Amino acid sequence: KVLKLCPARGEQTWALNIKRGILSVLQTAQASTARAVVEEVDVLGICPTRYQQKGPVLVKTRDLNLCSHHYSGFPSVQSVVLP
């Protein structure tokens, strides 16, 4: 779990936001079952996140409309799984 970012002095806000978005996508909670819904805290706020084990693949799904405590300054950070 990433608790803090340490940006370089003078780092552009957009670059820091991209790093936060990447870390948000890569963050996973350890699920004790094959299917679990947990609350994750990241740059998008506090979000219910569903994990499903499909063979060797762990699928992470999040409805961004259900996130609370949205952190301002990152409205364009969203992720989409590509085929």
PDB file of N, CA and C in Angstrom:
ATOM      1  N   LYS A   1       0.848  -1.176   0.000  1.00  0.00           N
ATOM      2  CA  LYS A   1       0.000   0.000   0.000  1.00  0.00           C
ATOM      3  C   LYS A   1       0.892   1.236   0.000  1.00  0.00           C
ATOM      4  N   VAL A   2       0.582   2.152  -0.871  1.00  0.00           N
ATOM      5  CA  VAL A   2       1.332   3.402  -0.950  1.00  0.00           C
ATOM      6  C   VAL A   2       0.669   4.403  -0.020  1.00  0.00           C
ATOM      7  N   LEU A   3       1.409   4.871   0.956  1.00  0.00           N
ATOM      8  CA  LEU A   3       0.857   5.804   1.928  1.00  0.00           C
ATOM      9  C   LEU A   3       1.138   7.254   1.581  1.00  0.00           C
ATOM     10  N   LYS A   4       2.184   7.496   0.787  1.00  0.00           N
ATOM     11  CA  LYS A   4       2.585   8.872   0.546  1.00  0.00           C
ATOM     12  C   LYS A   4       3.413   8.957  -0.730  1.00  0.00           C
ATOM     13  N   LEU A   5       3.243  10.042  -1.468  1.00  0.00           N
ATOM     14  CA  LEU A   5       4.103  10.333  -2.617  1.00  0.00           C
ATOM     15  C   LEU A   5       5.097  11.409  -2.207  1.00  0.00           C
ATOM     16  N   CYS A   6       6.285  11.316  -2.732  1.00  0.00           N
ATOM     17  CA  CYS A   6       7.321  12.309  -2.436  1.00  0.00           C
ATOM     18  C   CYS A   6       7.751  12.960  -3.748  1.00  0.00           C
ATOM     19  N   PRO A   7       7.015  13.976  -4.181  1.00  0.00           N
ATOM     20  CA  PRO A   7       7.331  14.598  -5.469  1.00  0.00           C
ATOM     21  C   PRO A   7       8.630  15.398  -5.404  1.00  0.00           C
ATOM     22  N   ALA A   8       9.251  15.524  -6.556  1.00  0.00           N
ATOM     23  CA  ALA A   8      10.441  16.368  -6.670  1.00  0.00           C
ATOM     24  C   ALA A   8      10.016  17.823  -6.544  1.00  0.00           C
ATOM     25  N   ARG A   9      10.903  18.631  -6.046  1.00  0.00           N
ATOM     26  CA  ARG A   9      10.605  20.056  -5.912  1.00  0.00           C
ATOM     27  C   ARG A   9      10.294  20.631  -7.291  1.00  0.00           C
ATOM     28  N   GLY A  10       9.178  21.316  -7.410  1.00  0.00           N
ATOM     29  CA  GLY A  10       8.794  21.915  -8.678  1.00  0.00           C
ATOM     30  C   GLY A  10       8.112  20.967  -9.649  1.00  0.00           C
ATOM     31  N   GLU A  11       7.814  19.733  -9.193  1.00  0.00           N
ATOM     32  CA  GLU A  11       7.144  18.778 -10.088  1.00  0.00           C
ATOM     33  C   GLU A  11       5.766  19.303 -10.472  1.00  0.00           C
ATOM     34  N   GLN A  12       5.431  19.182 -11.731  1.00  0.00           N
ATOM     35  CA  GLN A  12       4.154  19.664 -12.247  1.00  0.00           C
ATOM     36  C   GLN A  12       2.991  18.874 -11.636  1.00  0.00           C
ATOM     37  N   THR A  13       1.885  19.561 -11.357  1.00  0.00           N
ATOM     38  CA  THR A  13       0.709  18.920 -10.770  1.00  0.00           C
ATOM     39  C   THR A  13       0.179  17.822 -11.671  1.00  0.00           C
ATOM     40  N   TRP A  14       0.155  18.045 -12.981  1.00  0.00           N
ATOM     41  CA  TRP A  14      -0.383  17.032 -13.893  1.00  0.00           C
ATOM     42  C   TRP A  14       0.447  15.754 -13.831  1.00  0.00           C
ATOM     43  N   ALA A  15       1.769  15.876 -13.680  1.00  0.00           N
ATOM     44  CA  ALA A  15       2.630  14.693 -13.615  1.00  0.00           C
ATOM     45  C   ALA A  15       2.374  13.917 -12.327  1.00  0.00           C
ATOM     46  N   LEU A  16       2.199  14.630 -11.237  1.00  0.00           N
ATOM     47  CA  LEU A  16       1.899  13.987  -9.960  1.00  0.00           C
ATOM     48  C   LEU A  16       0.541  13.292 -10.012  1.00  0.00           C
ATOM     49  N   ASN A  17      -0.430  13.917 -10.662  1.00  0.00           N
ATOM     50  CA  ASN A  17      -1.758  13.307 -10.798  1.00  0.00           C
ATOM     51  C   ASN A  17      -1.703  12.015 -11.617  1.00  0.00           C
ATOM     52  N   ILE A  18      -0.900  11.991 -12.659  1.00  0.00           N
ATOM     53  CA  ILE A  18      -0.750  10.765 -13.458  1.00  0.00           C
ATOM     54  C   ILE A  18      -0.145   9.661 -12.603  1.00  0.00           C
ATOM     55  N   LYS A  19       0.854   9.991 -11.812  1.00  0.00           N
ATOM     56  CA  LYS A  19       1.466   8.999 -10.921  1.00  0.00           C
ATOM     57  C   LYS A  19       0.446   8.472  -9.916  1.00  0.00           C
ATOM     58  N   ARG A  20      -0.379   9.359  -9.363  1.00  0.00           N
ATOM     59  CA  ARG A  20      -1.421   8.929  -8.425  1.00  0.00           C
ATOM     60  C   ARG A  20      -2.412   7.991  -9.108  1.00  0.00           C
ATOM     61  N   GLY A  21      -2.791   8.318 -10.327  1.00  0.00           N
ATOM     62  CA  GLY A  21      -3.728   7.474 -11.069  1.00  0.00           C
ATOM     63  C   GLY A  21      -3.167   6.088 -11.336  1.00  0.00           C
ATOM     64  N   ILE A  22      -1.903   6.022 -11.716  1.00  0.00           N
ATOM     65  CA  ILE A  22      -1.263   4.725 -11.967  1.00  0.00           C
ATOM     66  C   ILE A  22      -1.207   3.910 -10.687  1.00  0.00           C
ATOM     67  N   LEU A  23      -0.825   4.536  -9.590  1.00  0.00           N
ATOM     68  CA  LEU A  23      -0.770   3.824  -8.312  1.00  0.00           C
ATOM     69  C   LEU A  23      -2.146   3.339  -7.885  1.00  0.00           C
ATOM     70  N   SER A  24      -3.181   4.131  -8.151  1.00  0.00           N
ATOM     71  CA  SER A  24      -4.545   3.735  -7.808  1.00  0.00           C
ATOM     72  C   SER A  24      -4.958   2.477  -8.554  1.00  0.00           C
ATOM     73  N   VAL A  25      -4.607   2.408  -9.826  1.00  0.00           N
ATOM     74  CA  VAL A  25      -4.957   1.242 -10.637  1.00  0.00           C
ATOM     75  C   VAL A  25      -4.202   0.006 -10.161  1.00  0.00           C
ATOM     76  N   LEU A  26      -2.953   0.181  -9.758  1.00  0.00           N
ATOM     77  CA  LEU A  26      -2.126  -0.952  -9.356  1.00  0.00           C
ATOM     78  C   LEU A  26      -2.396  -1.437  -7.933  1.00  0.00           C
ATOM     79  N   GLN A  27      -3.001  -0.586  -7.109  1.00  0.00           N
ATOM     80  CA  GLN A  27      -3.259  -0.968  -5.719  1.00  0.00           C
ATOM     81  C   GLN A  27      -4.285  -2.088  -5.655  1.00  0.00           C
ATOM     82  N   THR A  28      -4.009  -3.110  -4.860  1.00  0.00           N
ATOM     83  CA  THR A  28      -4.973  -4.181  -4.632  1.00  0.00           C
ATOM     84  C   THR A  28      -5.043  -4.479  -3.147  1.00  0.00           C
ATOM     85  N   ALA A  29      -6.241  -4.832  -2.698  1.00  0.00           N
ATOM     86  CA  ALA A  29      -6.431  -5.262  -1.319  1.00  0.00           C
ATOM     87  C   ALA A  29      -6.365  -6.779  -1.302  1.00  0.00           C
ATOM     88  N   GLN A  30      -5.809  -7.331  -0.267  1.00  0.00           N
ATOM     89  CA  GLN A  30      -5.715  -8.785  -0.159  1.00  0.00           C
ATOM     90  C   GLN A  30      -7.088  -9.331   0.193  1.00  0.00           C
ATOM     91  N   ALA A  31      -7.716 -10.025  -0.727  1.00  0.00           N
ATOM     92  CA  ALA A  31      -9.036 -10.611  -0.497  1.00  0.00           C
ATOM     93  C   ALA A  31      -8.872 -12.030   0.037  1.00  0.00           C
ATOM     94  N   SER A  32      -9.675 -12.376   1.040  1.00  0.00           N
ATOM     95  CA  SER A  32      -9.557 -13.702   1.640  1.00  0.00           C
ATOM     96  C   SER A  32     -10.380 -14.745   0.891  1.00  0.00           C
ATOM     97  N   THR A  33     -11.259 -14.302  -0.004  1.00  0.00           N
ATOM     98  CA  THR A  33     -12.077 -15.231  -0.775  1.00  0.00           C
ATOM     99  C   THR A  33     -11.924 -14.924  -2.258  1.00  0.00           C
ATOM    100  N   ALA A  34     -12.487 -15.785  -3.085  1.00  0.00           N
ATOM    101  CA  ALA A  34     -12.406 -15.578  -4.533  1.00  0.00           C
ATOM    102  C   ALA A  34     -13.199 -14.354  -4.966  1.00  0.00           C
ATOM    103  N   ARG A  35     -14.241 -14.009  -4.214  1.00  0.00           N
ATOM    104  CA  ARG A  35     -15.034 -12.811  -4.502  1.00  0.00           C
ATOM    105  C   ARG A  35     -15.129 -11.992  -3.225  1.00  0.00           C
ATOM    106  N   ALA A  36     -14.773 -10.736  -3.309  1.00  0.00           N
ATOM    107  CA  ALA A  36     -14.819  -9.886  -2.125  1.00  0.00           C
ATOM    108  C   ALA A  36     -15.059  -8.445  -2.539  1.00  0.00           C
ATOM    109  N   VAL A  37     -15.748  -7.700  -1.675  1.00  0.00           N
ATOM    110  CA  VAL A  37     -15.908  -6.262  -1.860  1.00  0.00           C
ATOM    111  C   VAL A  37     -15.263  -5.596  -0.650  1.00  0.00           C
ATOM    112  N   VAL A  38     -14.325  -4.720  -0.909  1.00  0.00           N
ATOM    113  CA  VAL A  38     -13.619  -4.016   0.157  1.00  0.00           C
ATOM    114  C   VAL A  38     -13.645  -2.525  -0.136  1.00  0.00           C
ATOM    115  N   GLU A  39     -13.415  -1.716   0.889  1.00  0.00           N
ATOM    116  CA  GLU A  39     -13.288  -0.279   0.686  1.00  0.00           C
ATOM    117  C   GLU A  39     -11.816   0.050   0.551  1.00  0.00           C
ATOM    118  N   GLU A  40     -11.482   0.733  -0.524  1.00  0.00           N
ATOM    119  CA  GLU A  40     -10.103   1.157  -0.743  1.00  0.00           C
ATOM    120  C   GLU A  40     -10.029   2.672  -0.688  1.00  0.00           C
ATOM    121  N   VAL A  41      -8.963   3.166  -0.118  1.00  0.00           N
ATOM    122  CA  VAL A  41      -8.715   4.602  -0.057  1.00  0.00           C
ATOM    123  C   VAL A  41      -7.563   4.898  -1.004  1.00  0.00           C
ATOM    124  N   ASP A  42      -7.820   5.793  -1.946  1.00  0.00           N
ATOM    125  CA  ASP A  42      -6.770   6.208  -2.868  1.00  0.00           C
ATOM    126  C   ASP A  42      -7.095   7.591  -3.393  1.00  0.00           C
ATOM    127  N   VAL A  43      -6.473   7.966  -4.475  1.00  0.00           N
ATOM    128  CA  VAL A  43      -6.638   9.306  -5.031  1.00  0.00           C
ATOM    129  C   VAL A  43      -8.085   9.596  -5.424  1.00  0.00           C
ATOM    130  N   LEU A  44      -8.887   8.571  -5.662  1.00  0.00           N
ATOM    131  CA  LEU A  44     -10.282   8.754  -6.057  1.00  0.00           C
ATOM    132  C   LEU A  44     -11.208   8.910  -4.866  1.00  0.00           C
ATOM    133  N   GLY A  45     -10.721   8.716  -3.665  1.00  0.00           N
ATOM    134  CA  GLY A  45     -11.526   8.808  -2.454  1.00  0.00           C
ATOM    135  C   GLY A  45     -11.634   7.450  -1.789  1.00  0.00           C
ATOM    136  N   ILE A  46     -12.717   7.240  -1.056  1.00  0.00           N
ATOM    137  CA  ILE A  46     -12.996   5.952  -0.425  1.00  0.00           C
ATOM    138  C   ILE A  46     -13.997   5.249  -1.320  1.00  0.00           C
ATOM    139  N   CYS A  47     -13.578   4.143  -1.922  1.00  0.00           N
ATOM    140  CA  CYS A  47     -14.389   3.498  -2.951  1.00  0.00           C
ATOM    141  C   CYS A  47     -14.627   2.022  -2.648  1.00  0.00           C
ATOM    142  N   PRO A  48     -15.901   1.567  -2.754  1.00  0.00           N
ATOM    143  CA  PRO A  48     -16.130   0.127  -2.678  1.00  0.00           C
ATOM    144  C   PRO A  48     -15.537  -0.512  -3.934  1.00  0.00           C
ATOM    145  N   THR A  49     -14.724  -1.526  -3.722  1.00  0.00           N
ATOM    146  CA  THR A  49     -13.994  -2.158  -4.816  1.00  0.00           C
ATOM    147  C   THR A  49     -14.230  -3.655  -4.775  1.00  0.00           C
ATOM    148  N   ARG A  50     -14.620  -4.212  -5.897  1.00  0.00           N
ATOM    149  CA  ARG A  50     -14.901  -5.652  -5.980  1.00  0.00           C
ATOM    150  C   ARG A  50     -13.720  -6.365  -6.617  1.00  0.00           C
ATOM    151  N   TYR A  51     -13.343  -7.466  -6.001  1.00  0.00           N
ATOM    152  CA  TYR A  51     -12.298  -8.336  -6.535  1.00  0.00           C
ATOM    153  C   TYR A  51     -12.913  -9.680  -6.860  1.00  0.00           C
ATOM    154  N   GLN A  52     -12.593 -10.194  -8.033  1.00  0.00           N
ATOM    155  CA  GLN A  52     -13.045 -11.519  -8.447  1.00  0.00           C
ATOM    156  C   GLN A  52     -11.849 -12.276  -9.009  1.00  0.00           C
ATOM    157  N   GLN A  53     -11.667 -13.486  -8.527  1.00  0.00           N
ATOM    158  CA  GLN A  53     -10.605 -14.345  -9.043  1.00  0.00           C
ATOM    159  C   GLN A  53     -11.176 -15.147 -10.195  1.00  0.00           C
ATOM    160  N   LYS A  54     -10.618 -14.978 -11.375  1.00  0.00           N
ATOM    161  CA  LYS A  54     -11.047 -15.724 -12.563  1.00  0.00           C
ATOM    162  C   LYS A  54      -9.838 -16.470 -13.089  1.00  0.00           C
ATOM    163  N   GLY A  55      -9.669 -17.687 -12.585  1.00  0.00           N
ATOM    164  CA  GLY A  55      -8.475 -18.448 -12.934  1.00  0.00           C
ATOM    165  C   GLY A  55      -7.262 -17.741 -12.372  1.00  0.00           C
ATOM    166  N   PRO A  56      -6.236 -17.534 -13.188  1.00  0.00           N
ATOM    167  CA  PRO A  56      -5.029 -16.863 -12.704  1.00  0.00           C
ATOM    168  C   PRO A  56      -5.147 -15.333 -12.696  1.00  0.00           C
ATOM    169  N   VAL A  57      -6.306 -14.811 -13.111  1.00  0.00           N
ATOM    170  CA  VAL A  57      -6.489 -13.368 -13.244  1.00  0.00           C
ATOM    171  C   VAL A  57      -7.311 -12.828 -12.074  1.00  0.00           C
ATOM    172  N   LEU A  58      -6.848 -11.741 -11.476  1.00  0.00           N
ATOM    173  CA  LEU A  58      -7.598 -11.041 -10.440  1.00  0.00           C
ATOM    174  C   LEU A  58      -8.240  -9.823 -11.092  1.00  0.00           C
ATOM    175  N   VAL A  59      -9.589  -9.776 -11.099  1.00  0.00           N
ATOM    176  CA  VAL A  59     -10.324  -8.688 -11.736  1.00  0.00           C
ATOM    177  C   VAL A  59     -10.737  -7.689 -10.659  1.00  0.00           C
ATOM    178  N   LYS A  60     -10.380  -6.430 -10.863  1.00  0.00           N
ATOM    179  CA  LYS A  60     -10.698  -5.349  -9.927  1.00  0.00           C
ATOM    180  C   LYS A  60     -11.723  -4.448 -10.593  1.00  0.00           C
ATOM    181  N   THR A  61     -12.878  -4.247  -9.928  1.00  0.00           N
ATOM    182  CA  THR A  61     -13.949  -3.425 -10.487  1.00  0.00           C
ATOM    183  C   THR A  61     -14.356  -2.381  -9.460  1.00  0.00           C
ATOM    184  N   ARG A  62     -14.563  -1.158  -9.936  1.00  0.00           N
ATOM    185  CA  ARG A  62     -14.937  -0.070  -9.035  1.00  0.00           C
ATOM    186  C   ARG A  62     -15.932   0.842  -9.747  1.00  0.00           C
ATOM    187  N   ASP A  63     -17.051   1.153  -9.082  1.00  0.00           N
ATOM    188  CA  ASP A  63     -18.007   2.127  -9.607  1.00  0.00           C
ATOM    189  C   ASP A  63     -17.634   3.478  -9.008  1.00  0.00           C
ATOM    190  N   LEU A  64     -17.061   4.349  -9.819  1.00  0.00           N
ATOM    191  CA  LEU A  64     -16.566   5.632  -9.321  1.00  0.00           C
ATOM    192  C   LEU A  64     -17.675   6.523  -8.787  1.00  0.00           C
ATOM    193  N   ASN A  65     -18.923   6.266  -9.192  1.00  0.00           N
ATOM    194  CA  ASN A  65     -20.045   7.050  -8.682  1.00  0.00           C
ATOM    195  C   ASN A  65     -20.331   6.753  -7.217  1.00  0.00           C
ATOM    196  N   LEU A  66     -19.829   5.633  -6.705  1.00  0.00           N
ATOM    197  CA  LEU A  66     -20.069   5.254  -5.314  1.00  0.00           C
ATOM    198  C   LEU A  66     -18.939   5.685  -4.383  1.00  0.00           C
ATOM    199  N   CYS A  67     -17.915   6.318  -4.910  1.00  0.00           N
ATOM    200  CA  CYS A  67     -16.795   6.764  -4.077  1.00  0.00           C
ATOM    201  C   CYS A  67     -17.223   7.956  -3.225  1.00  0.00           C
ATOM    202  N   SER A  68     -16.758   7.974  -1.985  1.00  0.00           N
ATOM    203  CA  SER A  68     -17.031   9.111  -1.105  1.00  0.00           C
ATOM    204  C   SER A  68     -15.716   9.812  -0.790  1.00  0.00           C
ATOM    205  N   HIS A  69     -15.829  10.997  -0.247  1.00  0.00           N
ATOM    206  CA  HIS A  69     -14.659  11.793   0.114  1.00  0.00           C
ATOM    207  C   HIS A  69     -13.716  11.970  -1.068  1.00  0.00           C
ATOM    208  N   HIS A  70     -14.299  12.382  -2.195  1.00  0.00           N
ATOM    209  CA  HIS A  70     -13.470  12.628  -3.379  1.00  0.00           C
ATOM    210  C   HIS A  70     -12.426  13.676  -3.031  1.00  0.00           C
ATOM    211  N   TYR A  71     -11.207  13.420  -3.428  1.00  0.00           N
ATOM    212  CA  TYR A  71     -10.153  14.385  -3.204  1.00  0.00           C
ATOM    213  C   TYR A  71     -10.146  15.352  -4.372  1.00  0.00           C
ATOM    214  N   SER A  72     -10.167  16.634  -4.085  1.00  0.00           N
ATOM    215  CA  SER A  72     -10.203  17.621  -5.161  1.00  0.00           C
ATOM    216  C   SER A  72      -8.848  17.690  -5.856  1.00  0.00           C
ATOM    217  N   GLY A  73      -8.889  18.140  -7.079  1.00  0.00           N
ATOM    218  CA  GLY A  73      -7.664  18.308  -7.833  1.00  0.00           C
ATOM    219  C   GLY A  73      -7.351  17.170  -8.783  1.00  0.00           C
ATOM    220  N   PHE A  74      -8.153  16.097  -8.745  1.00  0.00           N
ATOM    221  CA  PHE A  74      -7.873  14.956  -9.599  1.00  0.00           C
ATOM    222  C   PHE A  74      -9.110  14.512 -10.370  1.00  0.00           C
ATOM    223  N   PRO A  75      -9.902  15.433 -10.925  1.00  0.00           N
ATOM    224  CA  PRO A  75     -11.155  15.023 -11.556  1.00  0.00           C
ATOM    225  C   PRO A  75     -10.981  14.191 -12.815  1.00  0.00           C
ATOM    226  N   SER A  76      -9.840  14.261 -13.452  1.00  0.00           N
ATOM    227  CA  SER A  76      -9.686  13.544 -14.715  1.00  0.00           C
ATOM    228  C   SER A  76      -9.013  12.187 -14.552  1.00  0.00           C
ATOM    229  N   VAL A  77      -8.701  11.790 -13.324  1.00  0.00           N
ATOM    230  CA  VAL A  77      -8.031  10.509 -13.111  1.00  0.00           C
ATOM    231  C   VAL A  77      -9.073   9.406 -13.073  1.00  0.00           C
ATOM    232  N   GLN A  78      -9.140   8.651 -14.133  1.00  0.00           N
ATOM    233  CA  GLN A  78     -10.026   7.501 -14.211  1.00  0.00           C
ATOM    234  C   GLN A  78      -9.295   6.409 -14.962  1.00  0.00           C
ATOM    235  N   SER A  79      -9.692   5.180 -14.709  1.00  0.00           N
ATOM    236  CA  SER A  79      -9.030   4.078 -15.399  1.00  0.00           C
ATOM    237  C   SER A  79     -10.042   3.264 -16.173  1.00  0.00           C
ATOM    238  N   VAL A  80      -9.592   2.721 -17.281  1.00  0.00           N
ATOM    239  CA  VAL A  80     -10.423   1.875 -18.118  1.00  0.00           C
ATOM    240  C   VAL A  80      -9.590   0.662 -18.491  1.00  0.00           C
ATOM    241  N   VAL A  81     -10.163  -0.525 -18.308  1.00  0.00           N
ATOM    242  CA  VAL A  81      -9.464  -1.742 -18.689  1.00  0.00           C
ATOM    243  C   VAL A  81      -9.636  -1.933 -20.181  1.00  0.00           C
ATOM    244  N   LEU A  82      -8.530  -2.083 -20.876  1.00  0.00           N
ATOM    245  CA  LEU A  82      -8.571  -2.277 -22.316  1.00  0.00           C
ATOM    246  C   LEU A  82      -8.543  -3.760 -22.639  1.00  0.00           C
ATOM    247  N   PRO A  83      -9.198  -4.170 -23.739  1.00  0.00           N
ATOM    248  CA  PRO A  83      -9.205  -5.596 -24.110  1.00  0.00           C
ATOM    249  C   PRO A  83      -7.822  -6.097 -24.480  1.00  0.00           C
TER     250      PRO A  83
END
